[in-house]
């Protein structure tokens, strides 16, 4: 059975100004919608629901830095319904400038310069991280909006590969995100390739139901 809650971000997590929230819902009808409410100014940002079923995905972008609450509602026939889930103290941090040397990491986020047209970068989650197997999602950036993601997949320790079942791209933000089906518990490697020849990987990913 799926864990009905927000899986990312969680309490006191730091996220970038553009990110994807993930989770599971026990609601059997209606659409899933999400909002990020600034805890000081009360300014509220409406997310874009990319996947709105039991395993949902909500995209936020251009958030001002600060502390927020993430609110997830059920929406039936255009009417905002019950509050399903909430997470307090989500801290949005300034988007990192890509001015560090290639391969350097800052707070688990890899940044590269110069960004070549075929560049593809995987930034979330970081290598050697732990994730829920029900809602494993990766995200990152790419160098040129004319290029697109070709494939995103994970490989377990036995060499078995599982492809993402949903890939989202926002060319205007050079942002991509990939959602995976429910995965068996284990240690994985993530790989992604773009049609310009760019690629990236994340290693030692512990994906397990105990993190749900």
Protein backbone atom coordinates (compact mmCIF):
# COMPACT_ATOMS: atom_id res chain seq x y z
CA UNK A 1 0.00 0.00 0.00
CA UNK A 2 1.26 3.48 -0.87
CA UNK A 3 2.16 5.86 1.96
CA UNK A 4 -0.34 8.72 1.67
CA UNK A 5 1.81 11.78 2.35
CA UNK A 6 4.25 14.27 0.86
CA UNK A 7 7.54 12.53 0.19
CA UNK A 8 9.51 15.54 -1.07
CA UNK A 9 10.15 18.08 0.29
CA UNK A 10 9.83 17.25 3.97
CA UNK A 11 10.01 19.36 7.12
CA UNK A 12 12.98 21.75 7.14
CA UNK A 13 14.15 20.65 3.68
CA UNK A 14 15.95 23.17 1.49
CA UNK A 15 14.83 23.36 -2.14
CA UNK A 16 15.74 25.50 -5.13
CA UNK A 17 13.48 28.17 -6.60
CA UNK A 18 12.42 25.71 -9.29
CA UNK A 19 11.66 22.18 -8.10
CA UNK A 20 9.23 19.28 -8.22
CA UNK A 21 7.24 18.15 -5.17
CA UNK A 22 6.29 14.48 -4.95
CA UNK A 23 4.04 12.31 -2.86
CA UNK A 24 1.19 9.82 -2.68
CA UNK A 25 -2.51 10.43 -2.15
CA UNK A 26 -5.25 8.17 -0.85
CA UNK A 27 -7.90 10.28 -2.57
CA UNK A 28 -9.88 8.14 -5.01
CA UNK A 29 -11.37 11.01 -7.03
CA UNK A 30 -10.55 14.55 -8.08
CA UNK A 31 -7.38 16.31 -9.11
CA UNK A 32 -4.36 16.94 -6.92
CA UNK A 33 -3.31 20.60 -6.66
CA UNK A 34 -0.49 22.16 -4.67
CA UNK A 35 0.45 25.55 -3.29
CA UNK A 36 3.57 26.99 -1.70
CA UNK A 37 2.63 29.64 0.88
CA UNK A 38 5.32 32.04 2.06
CA UNK A 39 5.30 32.02 5.85
CA UNK A 40 6.21 35.70 6.21
CA UNK A 41 4.43 37.52 3.38
CA UNK A 42 1.65 34.91 2.95
CA UNK A 43 2.26 35.16 -0.80
CA UNK A 44 1.06 31.93 -2.37
CA UNK A 45 2.41 30.21 -5.47
CA UNK A 46 0.26 27.75 -7.38
CA UNK A 47 2.09 24.69 -8.68
CA UNK A 48 1.51 22.91 -11.98
CA UNK A 49 0.25 19.37 -11.49
CA UNK A 50 2.28 17.16 -13.82
CA UNK A 51 0.93 13.83 -12.55
CA UNK A 52 -2.22 13.97 -10.49
CA UNK A 53 -3.02 10.38 -9.58
CA UNK A 54 -2.14 8.34 -6.54
CA UNK A 55 1.56 9.07 -7.13
CA UNK A 56 1.49 12.81 -7.81
CA UNK A 57 4.04 15.28 -9.11
CA UNK A 58 3.70 19.09 -8.76
CA UNK A 59 6.04 21.58 -10.44
CA UNK A 60 6.92 24.93 -8.87
CA UNK A 61 9.11 27.62 -10.39
CA UNK A 62 10.31 31.18 -9.76
CA UNK A 63 9.65 31.06 -6.02
CA UNK A 64 11.11 33.85 -3.94
CA UNK A 65 13.68 32.69 -1.37
CA UNK A 66 12.26 32.20 2.10
CA UNK A 67 10.39 29.81 4.36
CA UNK A 68 7.20 28.21 3.04
CA UNK A 69 4.45 25.74 3.80
CA UNK A 70 3.56 23.22 1.10
CA UNK A 71 -0.20 22.55 0.90
CA UNK A 72 -1.73 19.76 -1.20
CA UNK A 73 -5.48 19.71 -1.85
CA UNK A 74 -8.02 17.60 -3.66
CA UNK A 75 -9.90 19.49 -6.36
CA UNK A 76 -13.18 18.04 -7.67
CA UNK A 77 -14.91 19.54 -10.72
CA UNK A 78 -12.94 22.76 -10.35
CA UNK A 79 -13.80 23.25 -6.68
CA UNK A 80 -11.00 23.21 -4.12
CA UNK A 81 -11.72 20.42 -1.66
CA UNK A 82 -10.11 18.96 1.41
CA UNK A 83 -6.55 19.69 2.47
CA UNK A 84 -4.84 16.33 2.02
CA UNK A 85 -1.29 16.99 3.11
CA UNK A 86 0.89 19.79 4.41
CA UNK A 87 4.58 20.23 5.17
CA UNK A 88 5.86 23.17 7.18
CA UNK A 89 9.20 24.97 7.04
CA UNK A 90 10.22 24.27 3.46
CA UNK A 91 13.11 26.65 2.84
CA UNK A 92 13.51 27.96 -0.70
CA UNK A 93 17.10 29.02 -1.33
CA UNK A 94 18.57 31.23 -4.03
CA UNK A 95 19.22 29.34 -7.24
CA UNK A 96 22.90 28.50 -7.35
CA UNK A 97 24.90 30.41 -9.94
CA UNK A 98 26.69 28.12 -12.36
CA UNK A 99 30.09 29.62 -11.78
CA UNK A 100 31.88 26.83 -9.97
CA UNK A 101 34.34 24.47 -11.57
CA UNK A 102 32.90 21.43 -13.34
CA UNK A 103 32.23 18.61 -10.93
CA UNK A 104 32.24 20.73 -7.78
CA UNK A 105 29.35 20.13 -5.40
CA UNK A 106 27.57 22.69 -3.24
CA UNK A 107 24.96 21.38 -0.78
CA UNK A 108 24.57 18.24 -2.87
CA UNK A 109 23.92 20.21 -6.06
CA UNK A 110 26.48 19.77 -8.81
CA UNK A 111 27.19 22.90 -10.85
CA UNK A 112 29.15 23.14 -14.09
CA UNK A 113 30.57 25.85 -16.31
CA UNK A 114 30.64 26.51 -19.17
CA UNK A 115 27.28 24.95 -20.03
CA UNK A 116 27.65 23.34 -23.43
CA UNK A 117 24.63 23.02 -25.71
CA UNK A 118 24.49 19.25 -25.24
CA UNK A 119 24.99 19.42 -21.48
CA UNK A 120 22.64 17.32 -19.31
CA UNK A 121 22.94 17.51 -15.54
CA UNK A 122 21.28 15.47 -12.79
CA UNK A 123 21.13 17.42 -9.52
CA UNK A 124 18.42 15.85 -7.37
CA UNK A 125 18.66 13.71 -5.37
CA UNK A 126 22.40 13.79 -4.82
CA UNK A 127 24.59 10.72 -5.06
CA UNK A 128 24.68 8.55 -1.91
CA UNK A 129 21.22 9.79 -0.92
CA UNK A 130 18.16 7.94 0.41
CA UNK A 131 14.73 8.02 -1.26
CA UNK A 132 11.29 6.47 -0.96
CA UNK A 133 10.81 3.61 -3.44
CA UNK A 134 7.16 4.58 -4.05
CA UNK A 135 7.87 8.05 -5.42
CA UNK A 136 11.43 8.11 -6.69
CA UNK A 137 11.90 11.23 -8.83
CA UNK A 138 15.04 12.82 -10.24
CA UNK A 139 15.51 16.26 -11.73
CA UNK A 140 18.14 18.50 -13.23
CA UNK A 141 18.96 20.82 -16.11
CA UNK A 142 20.16 20.81 -19.69
CA UNK A 143 22.07 23.24 -21.83
CA UNK A 144 19.92 24.03 -24.85
CA UNK A 145 16.10 24.13 -25.16
CA UNK A 146 16.41 22.67 -28.66
CA UNK A 147 17.70 19.43 -27.19
CA UNK A 148 15.57 17.00 -25.23
CA UNK A 149 15.96 14.08 -22.88
CA UNK A 150 16.25 10.73 -24.64
CA UNK A 151 16.25 8.29 -21.74
CA UNK A 152 16.32 8.21 -17.95
CA UNK A 153 16.78 4.92 -16.10
CA UNK A 154 18.04 3.26 -12.94
CA UNK A 155 20.15 0.12 -12.62
CA UNK A 156 20.16 -2.10 -9.55
CA UNK A 157 23.12 -4.07 -8.22
CA UNK A 158 22.17 -7.09 -10.35
CA UNK A 159 22.24 -5.05 -13.53
CA UNK A 160 18.45 -4.86 -13.96
CA UNK A 161 17.33 -1.60 -15.57
CA UNK A 162 14.07 0.28 -15.04
CA UNK A 163 13.11 3.23 -17.22
CA UNK A 164 11.29 6.32 -15.98
CA UNK A 165 7.58 6.10 -16.73
CA UNK A 166 7.21 9.90 -16.99
CA UNK A 167 9.67 12.58 -18.15
CA UNK A 168 8.82 16.27 -17.92
CA UNK A 169 10.79 19.02 -19.67
CA UNK A 170 10.47 22.80 -19.35
CA UNK A 171 12.68 24.25 -22.12
CA UNK A 172 12.20 27.80 -20.89
CA UNK A 173 13.80 26.87 -17.58
CA UNK A 174 16.21 24.25 -19.01
CA UNK A 175 14.65 21.98 -16.40
CA UNK A 176 13.73 18.29 -16.56
CA UNK A 177 12.27 15.78 -14.12
CA UNK A 178 11.77 12.02 -14.34
CA UNK A 179 9.36 9.89 -12.30
CA UNK A 180 9.81 6.15 -11.83
CA UNK A 181 7.39 3.32 -11.08
CA UNK A 182 7.48 1.76 -7.62
CA UNK A 183 10.93 0.18 -7.33
CA UNK A 184 12.12 -2.83 -5.34
CA UNK A 185 14.21 -1.95 -2.30
CA UNK A 186 17.87 -1.72 -3.15
CA UNK A 187 20.93 0.29 -4.13
CA UNK A 188 20.75 1.92 -7.56
CA UNK A 189 22.61 3.98 -10.12
CA UNK A 190 20.71 6.61 -12.11
CA UNK A 191 21.62 7.55 -15.70
CA UNK A 192 20.24 10.10 -18.12
CA UNK A 193 21.05 10.91 -21.75
CA UNK A 194 20.05 13.75 -24.07
CA UNK A 195 19.73 13.76 -27.83
CA UNK A 196 22.72 16.08 -28.11
CA UNK A 197 24.95 13.39 -26.62
CA UNK A 198 25.08 14.80 -23.09
CA UNK A 199 24.72 12.47 -20.13
CA UNK A 200 25.04 12.34 -16.37
CA UNK A 201 24.66 9.85 -13.53
CA UNK A 202 23.99 9.59 -9.82
CA UNK A 203 25.45 6.70 -7.86
CA UNK A 204 24.85 4.82 -4.60
CA UNK A 205 21.17 5.73 -4.42
CA UNK A 206 19.49 3.90 -1.57
CA UNK A 207 15.84 3.49 -2.64
CA UNK A 208 13.79 1.79 0.04
CA UNK A 209 10.29 1.62 1.50
CA UNK A 210 11.73 2.46 4.93
CA UNK A 211 12.23 6.04 3.69
CA UNK A 212 8.56 6.48 2.80
